[in-house]
Amino acid sequence: MKKTFLILITIIFLTSCYMPTSIRCVSKHADKLDGRKIRVKGKVVSSVQLDDLRLFYVASKTGKHNIAVVTKGSFPFKDEYTVVKGRVKYDFTHNNKYNMPVIYETSKKKFK
């Protein structure tokens, strides 16, 4: 019984590492997630390229919440679904104009 319980807890822990965090959770609790590596999935709603900054926005399933993703790679297409892995930064500021939570992308993959 004890061994079965330990195996079950191990399986739950290992699978939880691959479960995406909801965009709603990231946008509401970015202060608590600051510095943590997470994975989110959602629909790309827009992208912006400034002089030295490239970011795109990923929306939740309902479309009520979205989160900015800072990337060094290429932009995904608008309305494309994507999975983003990265580190949360709660107090992102760029040229003292933007103050918002973002995800610094470490890798990304498309999904259907």
C-alpha atoms as a PDB file:
ATOM      1  CA  MET A   1       0.000   0.000   0.000  1.00  0.00           C
ATOM      2  CA  LYS A   2       2.760   2.412   0.939  1.00  0.00           C
ATOM      3  CA  LYS A   3       4.704   1.589  -2.237  1.00  0.00           C
ATOM      4  CA  THR A   4       1.595   2.133  -4.410  1.00  0.00           C
ATOM      5  CA  PHE A   5       0.993   5.512  -2.786  1.00  0.00           C
ATOM      6  CA  LEU A   6       4.616   6.543  -3.389  1.00  0.00           C
ATOM      7  CA  ILE A   7       4.400   5.514  -7.058  1.00  0.00           C
ATOM      8  CA  LEU A   8       1.148   7.450  -7.477  1.00  0.00           C
ATOM      9  CA  ILE A   9       2.627  10.612  -5.918  1.00  0.00           C
ATOM     10  CA  THR A  10       5.711  10.303  -8.167  1.00  0.00           C
ATOM     11  CA  ILE A  11       3.557  10.003 -11.300  1.00  0.00           C
ATOM     12  CA  ILE A  12       1.465  13.027 -10.304  1.00  0.00           C
ATOM     13  CA  PHE A  13       4.596  15.080  -9.616  1.00  0.00           C
ATOM     14  CA  LEU A  14       6.280  14.155 -12.892  1.00  0.00           C
ATOM     15  CA  THR A  15       3.208  14.824 -15.025  1.00  0.00           C
ATOM     16  CA  SER A  16       2.551  18.144 -13.299  1.00  0.00           C
ATOM     17  CA  CYS A  17       5.922  19.413 -14.549  1.00  0.00           C
ATOM     18  CA  TYR A  18       4.612  19.154 -18.104  1.00  0.00           C
ATOM     19  CA  MET A  19       1.153  20.611 -17.489  1.00  0.00           C
ATOM     20  CA  PRO A  20       0.811  24.171 -18.787  1.00  0.00           C
ATOM     21  CA  THR A  21       0.005  27.015 -16.427  1.00  0.00           C
ATOM     22  CA  SER A  22      -3.169  28.866 -17.359  1.00  0.00           C
ATOM     23  CA  ILE A  23      -2.739  32.330 -18.836  1.00  0.00           C
ATOM     24  CA  ARG A  24      -5.392  33.551 -16.421  1.00  0.00           C
ATOM     25  CA  CYS A  25      -3.278  32.336 -13.499  1.00  0.00           C
ATOM     26  CA  VAL A  26      -0.140  34.006 -14.859  1.00  0.00           C
ATOM     27  CA  SER A  27      -1.859  37.341 -15.454  1.00  0.00           C
ATOM     28  CA  LYS A  28      -3.542  37.370 -12.019  1.00  0.00           C
ATOM     29  CA  HIS A  29      -0.668  35.952  -9.955  1.00  0.00           C
ATOM     30  CA  ALA A  30       2.456  37.077 -11.798  1.00  0.00           C
ATOM     31  CA  ASP A  31       3.898  38.492  -8.575  1.00  0.00           C
ATOM     32  CA  LYS A  32       3.891  35.013  -7.016  1.00  0.00           C
ATOM     33  CA  LEU A  33       5.278  33.381 -10.177  1.00  0.00           C
ATOM     34  CA  ASP A  34       8.094  35.922 -10.630  1.00  0.00           C
ATOM     35  CA  GLY A  35      11.283  34.153 -11.694  1.00  0.00           C
ATOM     36  CA  ARG A  36       9.675  30.732 -12.137  1.00  0.00           C
ATOM     37  CA  LYS A  37       9.878  28.694 -15.318  1.00  0.00           C
ATOM     38  CA  ILE A  38       6.436  27.936 -16.689  1.00  0.00           C
ATOM     39  CA  ARG A  39       4.711  26.675 -19.794  1.00  0.00           C
ATOM     40  CA  VAL A  40       1.590  28.270 -21.271  1.00  0.00           C
ATOM     41  CA  LYS A  41      -0.447  27.509 -24.342  1.00  0.00           C
ATOM     42  CA  GLY A  42      -2.842  29.737 -26.172  1.00  0.00           C
ATOM     43  CA  LYS A  43      -3.766  31.642 -29.288  1.00  0.00           C
ATOM     44  CA  VAL A  44      -1.504  34.398 -30.608  1.00  0.00           C
ATOM     45  CA  VAL A  45      -3.530  37.618 -30.766  1.00  0.00           C
ATOM     46  CA  SER A  46      -0.911  40.174 -31.817  1.00  0.00           C
ATOM     47  CA  SER A  47       2.805  40.904 -32.073  1.00  0.00           C
ATOM     48  CA  VAL A  48       4.942  44.017 -31.681  1.00  0.00           C
ATOM     49  CA  GLN A  49       8.493  44.789 -32.716  1.00  0.00           C
ATOM     50  CA  LEU A  50      10.144  47.868 -31.269  1.00  0.00           C
ATOM     51  CA  ASP A  51      13.770  48.881 -31.795  1.00  0.00           C
ATOM     52  CA  ASP A  52      15.316  46.270 -29.534  1.00  0.00           C
ATOM     53  CA  LEU A  53      12.251  44.430 -28.289  1.00  0.00           C
ATOM     54  CA  ARG A  54      10.170  41.679 -29.879  1.00  0.00           C
ATOM     55  CA  LEU A  55       7.035  40.515 -28.138  1.00  0.00           C
ATOM     56  CA  PHE A  56       3.746  38.834 -28.905  1.00  0.00           C
ATOM     57  CA  TYR A  57       0.553  38.320 -26.914  1.00  0.00           C
ATOM     58  CA  VAL A  58      -0.991  34.935 -26.187  1.00  0.00           C
ATOM     59  CA  ALA A  59      -4.652  34.771 -25.133  1.00  0.00           C
ATOM     60  CA  SER A  60      -6.413  32.317 -22.849  1.00  0.00           C
ATOM     61  CA  LYS A  61      -9.086  29.913 -24.098  1.00  0.00           C
ATOM     62  CA  THR A  62     -11.843  32.385 -23.258  1.00  0.00           C
ATOM     63  CA  GLY A  63      -9.930  35.367 -24.634  1.00  0.00           C
ATOM     64  CA  LYS A  64     -10.465  37.339 -21.409  1.00  0.00           C
ATOM     65  CA  HIS A  65      -6.818  37.212 -20.359  1.00  0.00           C
ATOM     66  CA  ASN A  66      -3.581  37.542 -22.267  1.00  0.00           C
ATOM     67  CA  ILE A  67       0.100  37.651 -21.479  1.00  0.00           C
ATOM     68  CA  ALA A  68       3.032  39.208 -23.311  1.00  0.00           C
ATOM     69  CA  VAL A  69       5.904  36.972 -24.385  1.00  0.00           C
ATOM     70  CA  VAL A  70       9.337  38.494 -25.022  1.00  0.00           C
ATOM     71  CA  THR A  71      11.118  36.529 -27.736  1.00  0.00           C
ATOM     72  CA  LYS A  72      14.416  36.503 -29.555  1.00  0.00           C
ATOM     73  CA  GLY A  73      13.067  34.188 -32.236  1.00  0.00           C
ATOM     74  CA  SER A  74      10.579  34.703 -35.006  1.00  0.00           C
ATOM     75  CA  PHE A  75       6.996  35.696 -34.370  1.00  0.00           C
ATOM     76  CA  PRO A  76       4.270  33.105 -34.612  1.00  0.00           C
ATOM     77  CA  PHE A  77       1.425  33.976 -36.964  1.00  0.00           C
ATOM     78  CA  LYS A  78      -1.664  35.719 -35.649  1.00  0.00           C
ATOM     79  CA  ASP A  79      -4.471  33.291 -34.692  1.00  0.00           C
ATOM     80  CA  GLU A  80      -1.928  30.449 -34.497  1.00  0.00           C
ATOM     81  CA  TYR A  81      -1.963  28.247 -31.395  1.00  0.00           C
ATOM     82  CA  THR A  82       1.357  27.904 -29.626  1.00  0.00           C
ATOM     83  CA  VAL A  83       3.021  26.528 -26.505  1.00  0.00           C
ATOM     84  CA  VAL A  84       5.534  28.833 -24.855  1.00  0.00           C
ATOM     85  CA  LYS A  85       8.114  27.872 -22.251  1.00  0.00           C
ATOM     86  CA  GLY A  86       9.819  30.632 -20.356  1.00  0.00           C
ATOM     87  CA  ARG A  87      10.480  32.524 -17.160  1.00  0.00           C
ATOM     88  CA  VAL A  88       7.954  34.950 -15.659  1.00  0.00           C
ATOM     89  CA  LYS A  89       9.043  38.513 -14.946  1.00  0.00           C
ATOM     90  CA  TYR A  90       6.502  40.401 -12.868  1.00  0.00           C
ATOM     91  CA  ASP A  91       7.789  43.961 -13.190  1.00  0.00           C
ATOM     92  CA  PHE A  92       8.929  44.150 -16.812  1.00  0.00           C
ATOM     93  CA  THR A  93       9.759  47.716 -17.874  1.00  0.00           C
ATOM     94  CA  HIS A  94      10.993  48.933 -21.247  1.00  0.00           C
ATOM     95  CA  ASN A  95      12.172  52.541 -21.645  1.00  0.00           C
ATOM     96  CA  ASN A  96      10.044  53.446 -18.600  1.00  0.00           C
ATOM     97  CA  LYS A  97       6.935  53.066 -20.785  1.00  0.00           C
ATOM     98  CA  TYR A  98       5.680  49.568 -20.105  1.00  0.00           C
ATOM     99  CA  ASN A  99       5.159  48.038 -16.702  1.00  0.00           C
ATOM    100  CA  MET A 100       3.563  44.636 -17.012  1.00  0.00           C
ATOM    101  CA  PRO A 101       4.152  40.953 -16.370  1.00  0.00           C
ATOM    102  CA  VAL A 102       5.774  39.053 -19.241  1.00  0.00           C
ATOM    103  CA  ILE A 103       7.231  35.669 -20.049  1.00  0.00           C
ATOM    104  CA  TYR A 104      10.800  35.582 -21.342  1.00  0.00           C
ATOM    105  CA  GLU A 105      10.627  32.790 -23.891  1.00  0.00           C
ATOM    106  CA  THR A 106      13.126  29.953 -23.729  1.00  0.00           C
ATOM    107  CA  SER A 107      11.419  27.723 -26.299  1.00  0.00           C
ATOM    108  CA  LYS A 108       8.186  27.492 -28.227  1.00  0.00           C
ATOM    109  CA  LYS A 109       6.291  24.866 -30.159  1.00  0.00           C
ATOM    110  CA  LYS A 110       3.141  24.849 -32.244  1.00  0.00           C
ATOM    111  CA  PHE A 111       0.226  22.618 -31.416  1.00  0.00           C
ATOM    112  CA  LYS A 112      -3.227  21.909 -32.807  1.00  0.00           C
END
